[in-house]
C-alpha atoms as a PDB file:
ATOM      1  CA  MET A   1       2.947  14.796  30.207  1.00  0.00           C
ATOM      2  CA  ASP A   2       6.273  13.686  28.697  1.00  0.00           C
ATOM      3  CA  LEU A   3       6.644  12.634  25.054  1.00  0.00           C
ATOM      4  CA  LYS A   4       6.602   8.885  25.750  1.00  0.00           C
ATOM      5  CA  ALA A   5       3.456   9.092  27.893  1.00  0.00           C
ATOM      6  CA  LYS A   6       1.801  11.342  25.320  1.00  0.00           C
ATOM      7  CA  THR A   7       2.651   8.887  22.547  1.00  0.00           C
ATOM      8  CA  ILE A   8       1.202   5.938  24.476  1.00  0.00           C
ATOM      9  CA  SER A   9      -1.977   7.931  25.041  1.00  0.00           C
ATOM     10  CA  VAL A  10      -2.203   8.847  21.371  1.00  0.00           C
ATOM     11  CA  PHE A  11      -1.820   5.246  20.280  1.00  0.00           C
ATOM     12  CA  ALA A  12      -4.365   4.005  22.817  1.00  0.00           C
ATOM     13  CA  ILE A  13      -6.853   6.331  21.124  1.00  0.00           C
ATOM     14  CA  PHE A  14      -5.520   5.221  17.709  1.00  0.00           C
ATOM     15  CA  PHE A  15      -6.266   1.527  18.279  1.00  0.00           C
ATOM     16  CA  PHE A  16      -9.548   2.194  20.084  1.00  0.00           C
ATOM     17  CA  PHE A  17     -10.614   4.167  17.025  1.00  0.00           C
ATOM     18  CA  LEU A  18      -9.376   1.440  14.696  1.00  0.00           C
ATOM     19  CA  SER A  19     -11.476  -1.165  16.521  1.00  0.00           C
ATOM     20  CA  SER A  20     -14.606   0.646  15.309  1.00  0.00           C
ATOM     21  CA  PHE A  21     -13.959  -0.672  11.787  1.00  0.00           C
ATOM     22  CA  PRO A  22     -15.224  -4.191  10.909  1.00  0.00           C
ATOM     23  CA  ASN A  23     -12.937  -6.992  12.120  1.00  0.00           C
ATOM     24  CA  ASN A  24     -13.681  -9.775   9.684  1.00  0.00           C
ATOM     25  CA  LEU A  25     -13.270  -8.872   6.021  1.00  0.00           C
ATOM     26  CA  HIS A  26     -15.480 -10.566   3.454  1.00  0.00           C
ATOM     27  CA  ALA A  27     -14.517 -11.275  -0.148  1.00  0.00           C
ATOM     28  CA  HIS A  28     -16.095  -8.027  -1.332  1.00  0.00           C
ATOM     29  CA  ASP A  29     -13.988  -6.056   1.219  1.00  0.00           C
ATOM     30  CA  LEU A  30     -10.651  -7.122  -0.299  1.00  0.00           C
ATOM     31  CA  GLU A  31      -8.878  -5.738  -3.350  1.00  0.00           C
ATOM     32  CA  VAL A  32     -10.856  -6.644  -6.449  1.00  0.00           C
ATOM     33  CA  ASP A  33      -9.184  -9.143  -8.790  1.00  0.00           C
ATOM     34  CA  ASP A  34     -11.540  -8.603 -11.729  1.00  0.00           C
ATOM     35  CA  GLU A  35     -10.754  -5.116 -12.974  1.00  0.00           C
ATOM     36  CA  THR A  36     -13.259  -5.158 -15.864  1.00  0.00           C
ATOM     37  CA  PRO A  37     -15.839  -2.785 -14.297  1.00  0.00           C
ATOM     38  CA  PHE A  38     -13.444   0.064 -13.430  1.00  0.00           C
ATOM     39  CA  THR A  39     -10.616   2.102 -14.898  1.00  0.00           C
ATOM     40  CA  TYR A  40      -8.249   4.953 -14.031  1.00  0.00           C
ATOM     41  CA  GLU A  41      -9.243   7.015 -17.053  1.00  0.00           C
ATOM     42  CA  HIS A  42     -11.469  10.099 -16.869  1.00  0.00           C
ATOM     43  CA  THR A  43     -14.719   8.312 -17.698  1.00  0.00           C
ATOM     44  CA  GLU A  44     -17.804   7.302 -15.723  1.00  0.00           C
ATOM     45  CA  LYS A  45     -15.870   4.172 -14.703  1.00  0.00           C
ATOM     46  CA  GLY A  46     -12.892   6.235 -13.535  1.00  0.00           C
ATOM     47  CA  PRO A  47     -11.931   7.013  -9.894  1.00  0.00           C
ATOM     48  CA  GLU A  48     -14.571   9.730  -9.526  1.00  0.00           C
ATOM     49  CA  GLY A  49     -17.282   7.198 -10.375  1.00  0.00           C
ATOM     50  CA  TRP A  50     -16.064   4.027  -8.650  1.00  0.00           C
ATOM     51  CA  GLY A  51     -18.644   4.357  -5.889  1.00  0.00           C
ATOM     52  CA  LYS A  52     -21.505   4.185  -8.411  1.00  0.00           C
ATOM     53  CA  ILE A  53     -20.383   1.017 -10.216  1.00  0.00           C
ATOM     54  CA  ASP A  54     -21.092  -1.538  -7.481  1.00  0.00           C
ATOM     55  CA  PRO A  55     -23.099  -1.191  -4.214  1.00  0.00           C
ATOM     56  CA  HIS A  56     -20.149  -2.687  -2.316  1.00  0.00           C
ATOM     57  CA  TRP A  57     -17.947   0.126  -3.648  1.00  0.00           C
ATOM     58  CA  ARG A  58     -20.129   3.016  -2.455  1.00  0.00           C
ATOM     59  CA  ILE A  59     -17.577   4.027   0.179  1.00  0.00           C
ATOM     60  CA  CYS A  60     -15.106   4.924  -2.603  1.00  0.00           C
ATOM     61  CA  ASN A  61     -17.115   8.139  -2.993  1.00  0.00           C
ATOM     62  CA  THR A  62     -18.692   8.566   0.445  1.00  0.00           C
ATOM     63  CA  GLY A  63     -15.913   7.455   2.819  1.00  0.00           C
ATOM     64  CA  LYS A  64     -14.107   9.846   5.153  1.00  0.00           C
ATOM     65  CA  PHE A  65     -10.955   7.711   5.519  1.00  0.00           C
ATOM     66  CA  GLN A  66      -9.956   7.197   1.903  1.00  0.00           C
ATOM     67  CA  SER A  67      -6.453   6.720   0.473  1.00  0.00           C
ATOM     68  CA  PRO A  68      -4.113   7.900  -0.906  1.00  0.00           C
ATOM     69  CA  ILE A  69      -3.513  11.325   0.617  1.00  0.00           C
ATOM     70  CA  ASP A  70      -0.900  14.059   0.418  1.00  0.00           C
ATOM     71  CA  LEU A  71       1.595  13.686   3.273  1.00  0.00           C
ATOM     72  CA  THR A  72       2.262  17.313   3.989  1.00  0.00           C
ATOM     73  CA  ASN A  73       4.524  18.618   6.745  1.00  0.00           C
ATOM     74  CA  GLN A  74       1.804  21.031   7.795  1.00  0.00           C
ATOM     75  CA  ARG A  75      -0.479  18.203   8.896  1.00  0.00           C
ATOM     76  CA  VAL A  76       1.827  15.676  10.587  1.00  0.00           C
ATOM     77  CA  SER A  77       2.307  15.032  14.304  1.00  0.00           C
ATOM     78  CA  LEU A  78       5.878  14.156  15.276  1.00  0.00           C
ATOM     79  CA  ILE A  79       6.272  10.991  17.356  1.00  0.00           C
ATOM     80  CA  ASN A  80       9.428   9.026  18.109  1.00  0.00           C
ATOM     81  CA  TYR A  81       8.167   6.088  20.174  1.00  0.00           C
ATOM     82  CA  GLY A  82       6.390   2.756  19.639  1.00  0.00           C
ATOM     83  CA  ALA A  83       6.829   2.445  15.892  1.00  0.00           C
ATOM     84  CA  TRP A  84       6.850  -1.099  14.500  1.00  0.00           C
ATOM     85  CA  SER A  85       8.973  -4.179  13.839  1.00  0.00           C
ATOM     86  CA  ARG A  86       9.407  -6.523  10.878  1.00  0.00           C
ATOM     87  CA  GLN A  87      10.012 -10.273  11.036  1.00  0.00           C
ATOM     88  CA  TYR A  88      10.114 -11.447   7.426  1.00  0.00           C
ATOM     89  CA  GLN A  89      11.395 -14.751   6.053  1.00  0.00           C
ATOM     90  CA  PRO A  90      11.791 -16.371   2.595  1.00  0.00           C
ATOM     91  CA  ALA A  91       8.731 -18.251   1.305  1.00  0.00           C
ATOM     92  CA  LEU A  92       7.227 -19.631  -1.897  1.00  0.00           C
ATOM     93  CA  ALA A  93       5.617 -16.970  -4.063  1.00  0.00           C
ATOM     94  CA  SER A  94       3.896 -16.456  -7.403  1.00  0.00           C
ATOM     95  CA  LEU A  95       3.638 -13.623  -9.930  1.00  0.00           C
ATOM     96  CA  LYS A  96       0.195 -12.651 -11.215  1.00  0.00           C
ATOM     97  CA  ASN A  97      -1.143 -10.065 -13.645  1.00  0.00           C
ATOM     98  CA  ARG A  98      -4.392  -8.795 -12.132  1.00  0.00           C
ATOM     99  CA  GLY A  99      -5.002  -6.569 -15.149  1.00  0.00           C
ATOM    100  CA  HIS A 100      -4.893  -3.371 -13.110  1.00  0.00           C
ATOM    101  CA  ASP A 101      -1.522  -4.219 -11.523  1.00  0.00           C
ATOM    102  CA  ILE A 102       1.240  -6.831 -11.195  1.00  0.00           C
ATOM    103  CA  MET A 103       1.209  -8.734  -7.910  1.00  0.00           C
ATOM    104  CA  VAL A 104       3.646 -10.971  -6.034  1.00  0.00           C
ATOM    105  CA  SER A 105       1.645 -13.287  -3.774  1.00  0.00           C
ATOM    106  CA  TRP A 106       3.255 -15.386  -1.031  1.00  0.00           C
ATOM    107  CA  LYS A 107       1.977 -18.950  -0.783  1.00  0.00           C
ATOM    108  CA  GLY A 108       3.965 -19.848   2.311  1.00  0.00           C
ATOM    109  CA  ASP A 109       4.618 -18.022   5.585  1.00  0.00           C
ATOM    110  CA  ALA A 110       6.630 -14.944   4.597  1.00  0.00           C
ATOM    111  CA  GLY A 111       6.573 -13.451   8.080  1.00  0.00           C
ATOM    112  CA  LYS A 112       4.865 -10.451   9.570  1.00  0.00           C
ATOM    113  CA  ILE A 113       5.013  -6.911  10.864  1.00  0.00           C
ATOM    114  CA  THR A 114       4.038  -5.922  14.397  1.00  0.00           C
ATOM    115  CA  ILE A 115       2.440  -2.553  15.145  1.00  0.00           C
ATOM    116  CA  ARG A 116       1.810  -1.824  18.820  1.00  0.00           C
ATOM    117  CA  GLN A 117       1.740  -5.564  19.628  1.00  0.00           C
ATOM    118  CA  LYS A 118      -0.704  -6.261  16.793  1.00  0.00           C
ATOM    119  CA  GLU A 119       0.604  -8.803  14.258  1.00  0.00           C
ATOM    120  CA  PHE A 120      -0.083  -8.624  10.520  1.00  0.00           C
ATOM    121  CA  LYS A 121       0.979 -11.418   8.160  1.00  0.00           C
ATOM    122  CA  LEU A 122       2.532 -10.484   4.814  1.00  0.00           C
ATOM    123  CA  VAL A 123       0.192 -11.551   2.006  1.00  0.00           C
ATOM    124  CA  GLN A 124       1.223  -9.818  -1.228  1.00  0.00           C
ATOM    125  CA  CYS A 125       2.830  -6.798  -2.835  1.00  0.00           C
ATOM    126  CA  HIS A 126       2.055  -4.847  -6.019  1.00  0.00           C
ATOM    127  CA  TRP A 127       3.007  -1.633  -7.835  1.00  0.00           C
ATOM    128  CA  HIS A 128       1.319   1.618  -8.871  1.00  0.00           C
ATOM    129  CA  SER A 129       2.706   4.060 -11.433  1.00  0.00           C
ATOM    130  CA  PRO A 130       3.042   6.936 -10.795  1.00  0.00           C
ATOM    131  CA  SER A 131       2.934   6.981  -6.999  1.00  0.00           C
ATOM    132  CA  GLU A 132      -0.433   7.272  -5.293  1.00  0.00           C
ATOM    133  CA  HIS A 133       0.676   9.074  -2.125  1.00  0.00           C
ATOM    134  CA  THR A 134       2.310  12.459  -2.587  1.00  0.00           C
ATOM    135  CA  VAL A 135       4.698  14.187  -0.194  1.00  0.00           C
ATOM    136  CA  ASN A 136       4.199  17.946   0.112  1.00  0.00           C
ATOM    137  CA  GLY A 137       2.483  17.798  -3.266  1.00  0.00           C
ATOM    138  CA  THR A 138       5.250  15.838  -5.007  1.00  0.00           C
ATOM    139  CA  ARG A 139       4.198  12.714  -6.905  1.00  0.00           C
ATOM    140  CA  TYR A 140       6.930  10.145  -7.530  1.00  0.00           C
ATOM    141  CA  ASP A 141       7.411   7.715 -10.431  1.00  0.00           C
ATOM    142  CA  MET A 142       6.283   4.507  -8.694  1.00  0.00           C
ATOM    143  CA  GLU A 143       4.835   3.193  -5.440  1.00  0.00           C
ATOM    144  CA  LEU A 144       5.075  -0.316  -3.999  1.00  0.00           C
ATOM    145  CA  HIS A 145       2.410  -1.616  -1.619  1.00  0.00           C
ATOM    146  CA  MET A 146       3.169  -4.492   0.759  1.00  0.00           C
ATOM    147  CA  VAL A 147      -0.184  -5.789   2.025  1.00  0.00           C
ATOM    148  CA  HIS A 148      -0.475  -7.474   5.436  1.00  0.00           C
ATOM    149  CA  GLN A 149      -3.499  -8.970   7.194  1.00  0.00           C
ATOM    150  CA  SER A 150      -4.111  -9.860  10.836  1.00  0.00           C
ATOM    151  CA  ASP A 151      -5.872 -12.969  12.140  1.00  0.00           C
ATOM    152  CA  ARG A 152      -8.908 -10.781  12.790  1.00  0.00           C
ATOM    153  CA  GLY A 153      -8.974  -9.431   9.246  1.00  0.00           C
ATOM    154  CA  LYS A 154      -7.400  -6.008   9.806  1.00  0.00           C
ATOM    155  CA  LEU A 155      -5.174  -4.713   7.014  1.00  0.00           C
ATOM    156  CA  ALA A 156      -1.824  -2.924   7.250  1.00  0.00           C
ATOM    157  CA  VAL A 157      -0.025  -1.691   4.149  1.00  0.00           C
ATOM    158  CA  ILE A 158       3.559  -0.464   3.761  1.00  0.00           C
ATOM    159  CA  GLY A 159       4.024   2.062   0.964  1.00  0.00           C
ATOM    160  CA  VAL A 160       7.453   2.577  -0.610  1.00  0.00           C
ATOM    161  CA  LEU A 161       8.024   5.466  -3.038  1.00  0.00           C
ATOM    162  CA  PHE A 162      10.360   5.331  -6.044  1.00  0.00           C
ATOM    163  CA  LYS A 163      11.973   7.921  -8.296  1.00  0.00           C
ATOM    164  CA  LEU A 164      13.699   7.441 -11.628  1.00  0.00           C
ATOM    165  CA  GLY A 165      17.305   6.318 -11.208  1.00  0.00           C
ATOM    166  CA  GLN A 166      19.241   3.109 -10.686  1.00  0.00           C
ATOM    167  CA  PRO A 167      17.323  -0.171 -11.256  1.00  0.00           C
ATOM    168  CA  ASN A 168      15.528  -1.661  -8.273  1.00  0.00           C
ATOM    169  CA  LYS A 169      17.290  -4.936  -7.382  1.00  0.00           C
ATOM    170  CA  PHE A 170      14.108  -6.761  -6.445  1.00  0.00           C
ATOM    171  CA  LEU A 171      12.371  -5.850  -9.701  1.00  0.00           C
ATOM    172  CA  THR A 172      15.485  -6.806 -11.656  1.00  0.00           C
ATOM    173  CA  LYS A 173      14.965 -10.399 -10.504  1.00  0.00           C
ATOM    174  CA  LEU A 174      11.342 -10.316 -11.691  1.00  0.00           C
ATOM    175  CA  LEU A 175      11.786  -8.354 -14.907  1.00  0.00           C
ATOM    176  CA  ASN A 176      11.781 -11.274 -17.361  1.00  0.00           C
ATOM    177  CA  GLY A 177       8.723 -12.761 -15.685  1.00  0.00           C
ATOM    178  CA  ILE A 178       6.884  -9.424 -15.760  1.00  0.00           C
ATOM    179  CA  LYS A 179       7.625  -8.964 -19.462  1.00  0.00           C
ATOM    180  CA  ALA A 180       6.429 -12.491 -20.321  1.00  0.00           C
ATOM    181  CA  ILE A 181       3.464 -12.843 -17.977  1.00  0.00           C
ATOM    182  CA  GLY A 182       0.055 -13.601 -19.459  1.00  0.00           C
ATOM    183  CA  LYS A 183      -3.196 -14.614 -17.811  1.00  0.00           C
ATOM    184  CA  GLU A 184      -1.681 -17.550 -15.924  1.00  0.00           C
ATOM    185  CA  GLU A 185      -0.133 -17.165 -12.477  1.00  0.00           C
ATOM    186  CA  ILE A 186       3.612 -17.936 -12.531  1.00  0.00           C
ATOM    187  CA  ASN A 187       5.438 -19.764  -9.738  1.00  0.00           C
ATOM    188  CA  ILE A 188       8.597 -17.739  -9.005  1.00  0.00           C
ATOM    189  CA  GLY A 189       9.995 -19.950  -6.233  1.00  0.00           C
ATOM    190  CA  ILE A 190      11.341 -18.668  -2.930  1.00  0.00           C
ATOM    191  CA  VAL A 191      11.120 -14.901  -2.466  1.00  0.00           C
ATOM    192  CA  ASN A 192      12.630 -13.098   0.512  1.00  0.00           C
ATOM    193  CA  PRO A 193      10.572 -10.011   1.500  1.00  0.00           C
ATOM    194  CA  HIS A 194      13.734  -8.432   2.916  1.00  0.00           C
ATOM    195  CA  ASP A 195      14.934  -8.094  -0.694  1.00  0.00           C
ATOM    196  CA  ILE A 196      12.126  -5.592  -1.296  1.00  0.00           C
ATOM    197  CA  ILE A 197      12.976  -3.038   1.374  1.00  0.00           C
ATOM    198  CA  ARG A 198      16.546  -3.642   2.487  1.00  0.00           C
ATOM    199  CA  PHE A 199      17.114   0.054   3.128  1.00  0.00           C
ATOM    200  CA  GLN A 200      16.620   1.875   6.407  1.00  0.00           C
ATOM    201  CA  THR A 201      12.915   2.379   7.212  1.00  0.00           C
ATOM    202  CA  ARG A 202      13.006   4.109  10.603  1.00  0.00           C
ATOM    203  CA  LYS A 203      11.471   7.347   9.324  1.00  0.00           C
ATOM    204  CA  PHE A 204       7.926   7.062   8.015  1.00  0.00           C
ATOM    205  CA  TYR A 205       4.396   8.442   7.945  1.00  0.00           C
ATOM    206  CA  ARG A 206       1.401   6.614   9.425  1.00  0.00           C
ATOM    207  CA  TYR A 207      -2.329   7.218   9.213  1.00  0.00           C
ATOM    208  CA  ILE A 208      -5.672   5.392   8.954  1.00  0.00           C
ATOM    209  CA  GLY A 209      -6.936   5.088   5.395  1.00  0.00           C
ATOM    210  CA  SER A 210      -8.342   2.629   2.877  1.00  0.00           C
ATOM    211  CA  LEU A 211      -7.540   0.355  -0.008  1.00  0.00           C
ATOM    212  CA  THR A 212      -6.721   2.477  -3.069  1.00  0.00           C
ATOM    213  CA  VAL A 213      -8.656   0.249  -5.476  1.00  0.00           C
ATOM    214  CA  PRO A 214     -12.290  -0.858  -5.280  1.00  0.00           C
ATOM    215  CA  PRO A 215     -13.937  -1.656  -2.931  1.00  0.00           C
ATOM    216  CA  CYS A 216     -11.894   1.071  -1.114  1.00  0.00           C
ATOM    217  CA  THR A 217     -12.334  -0.675   2.253  1.00  0.00           C
ATOM    218  CA  GLU A 218     -11.506   1.630   5.185  1.00  0.00           C
ATOM    219  CA  GLY A 219      -9.682   0.932   8.446  1.00  0.00           C
ATOM    220  CA  VAL A 220      -6.323   0.197   6.773  1.00  0.00           C
ATOM    221  CA  ILE A 221      -3.197   1.130   8.762  1.00  0.00           C
ATOM    222  CA  TRP A 222      -0.886   2.883   6.318  1.00  0.00           C
ATOM    223  CA  THR A 223       2.871   3.166   6.839  1.00  0.00           C
ATOM    224  CA  VAL A 224       4.591   5.158   4.081  1.00  0.00           C
ATOM    225  CA  VAL A 225       8.387   5.025   4.255  1.00  0.00           C
ATOM    226  CA  LYS A 226       9.988   8.461   3.971  1.00  0.00           C
ATOM    227  CA  ARG A 227      13.111   7.328   2.101  1.00  0.00           C
ATOM    228  CA  VAL A 228      12.567   7.320  -1.655  1.00  0.00           C
ATOM    229  CA  ASN A 229      14.117   4.376  -3.509  1.00  0.00           C
ATOM    230  CA  THR A 230      15.072   4.300  -7.207  1.00  0.00           C
ATOM    231  CA  ILE A 231      13.672   2.466 -10.213  1.00  0.00           C
ATOM    232  CA  SER A 232      14.787   2.415 -13.848  1.00  0.00           C
ATOM    233  CA  ALA A 233      12.817   3.585 -16.866  1.00  0.00           C
ATOM    234  CA  GLU A 234      12.905   0.007 -18.227  1.00  0.00           C
ATOM    235  CA  GLN A 235      11.329  -1.342 -15.048  1.00  0.00           C
ATOM    236  CA  ILE A 236       8.578   1.271 -15.086  1.00  0.00           C
ATOM    237  CA  ALA A 237       7.881   0.510 -18.748  1.00  0.00           C
ATOM    238  CA  ALA A 238       7.724  -3.250 -18.067  1.00  0.00           C
ATOM    239  CA  LEU A 239       5.128  -2.817 -15.318  1.00  0.00           C
ATOM    240  CA  ARG A 240       3.061  -0.426 -17.443  1.00  0.00           C
ATOM    241  CA  ASN A 241       3.196  -2.598 -20.562  1.00  0.00           C
ATOM    242  CA  ALA A 242       2.209  -5.753 -18.680  1.00  0.00           C
ATOM    243  CA  VAL A 243      -1.138  -4.465 -17.387  1.00  0.00           C
ATOM    244  CA  HIS A 244      -4.285  -4.139 -19.455  1.00  0.00           C
ATOM    245  CA  ASP A 245      -5.220  -1.095 -21.551  1.00  0.00           C
ATOM    246  CA  GLY A 246      -6.462   1.728 -19.371  1.00  0.00           C
ATOM    247  CA  PHE A 247      -4.269   0.726 -16.424  1.00  0.00           C
ATOM    248  CA  GLU A 248      -0.849   1.820 -17.696  1.00  0.00           C
ATOM    249  CA  THR A 249      -1.033   4.624 -15.146  1.00  0.00           C
ATOM    250  CA  ASN A 250      -2.829   2.957 -12.272  1.00  0.00           C
ATOM    251  CA  SER A 251      -2.787   5.609  -9.560  1.00  0.00           C
ATOM    252  CA  ARG A 252      -5.835   6.851  -7.727  1.00  0.00           C
ATOM    253  CA  PRO A 253      -5.888  10.645  -7.175  1.00  0.00           C
ATOM    254  CA  VAL A 254      -5.192  11.906  -3.642  1.00  0.00           C
ATOM    255  CA  GLN A 255      -8.267  12.006  -1.421  1.00  0.00           C
ATOM    256  CA  ASN A 256      -9.623  14.485   1.091  1.00  0.00           C
ATOM    257  CA  THR A 257      -8.069  13.940   4.538  1.00  0.00           C
ATOM    258  CA  HIS A 258     -11.190  15.129   6.381  1.00  0.00           C
ATOM    259  CA  SER A 259      -8.882  16.431   9.130  1.00  0.00           C
ATOM    260  CA  ARG A 260      -7.295  13.049   9.808  1.00  0.00           C
ATOM    261  CA  THR A 261      -4.148  12.935  11.910  1.00  0.00           C
ATOM    262  CA  VAL A 262      -0.978  11.808  10.147  1.00  0.00           C
ATOM    263  CA  TRP A 263       1.910  10.695  12.365  1.00  0.00           C
ATOM    264  CA  TYR A 264       5.540  11.119  11.345  1.00  0.00           C
ATOM    265  CA  TYR A 265       8.177   8.970  13.042  1.00  0.00           C
ATOM    266  CA  ASP A 266      11.710  10.245  13.402  1.00  0.00           C
ATOM    267  CA  PRO A 267      13.897   8.597  16.072  1.00  0.00           C
ATOM    268  CA  ASN A 268      16.154  11.649  16.025  1.00  0.00           C
ATOM    269  CA  VAL A 269      13.459  14.092  17.140  1.00  0.00           C
END
């Protein structure tokens, strides 16, 4: 079997497997907006105890497809076919402090990504510091999550890693708003998603995981871009200072892979 045929076979299994997860997400399946019951600190309300706080969060402790994970070279399968495509466009957006993170939410149609002919509409993006995913054990300074949802309720998230360096241009535009944001959602006008990840994204990791905050819903298609972008110390500080106490470092520890397959895409292989 040649590489292309093998890849098609692998992804047929991939989407058949994915269909076993619930199609229609309910309110309690989505990322929680009220962060009061949980924290990232080492207490009974911390990551190790999330599954005991709310019955709807039980999978945080019992699930076999939890995120984030360590993306190690020893566990990846190389594939160079049938990756994805992005069709983003500028749309109205708002900035919101959810307490546990800062979120940009699109109010209009900001476009979509397509993975193996499945379309996922861009809904929002937010930041975690330090990064949640690690690469060969290395944890970076920040991670951006771009959250997409299909018409049938499936979720697909793009993860972008950041290291300390030059300021991120997208965050530079939002910096004053982040520093001044309170409890009220702020209208930030037209935001072009292409401004977030303008760099080349052809090399990336993909696997099936979960939301990284309660309720830790599984069946999420994760795409973590290999290229590491840069972010300034001022931008990291602004995001950490804006969130509530206990969420300054809002990264969930890496989870057990339970022998999951992680695909790595490199068009040059």
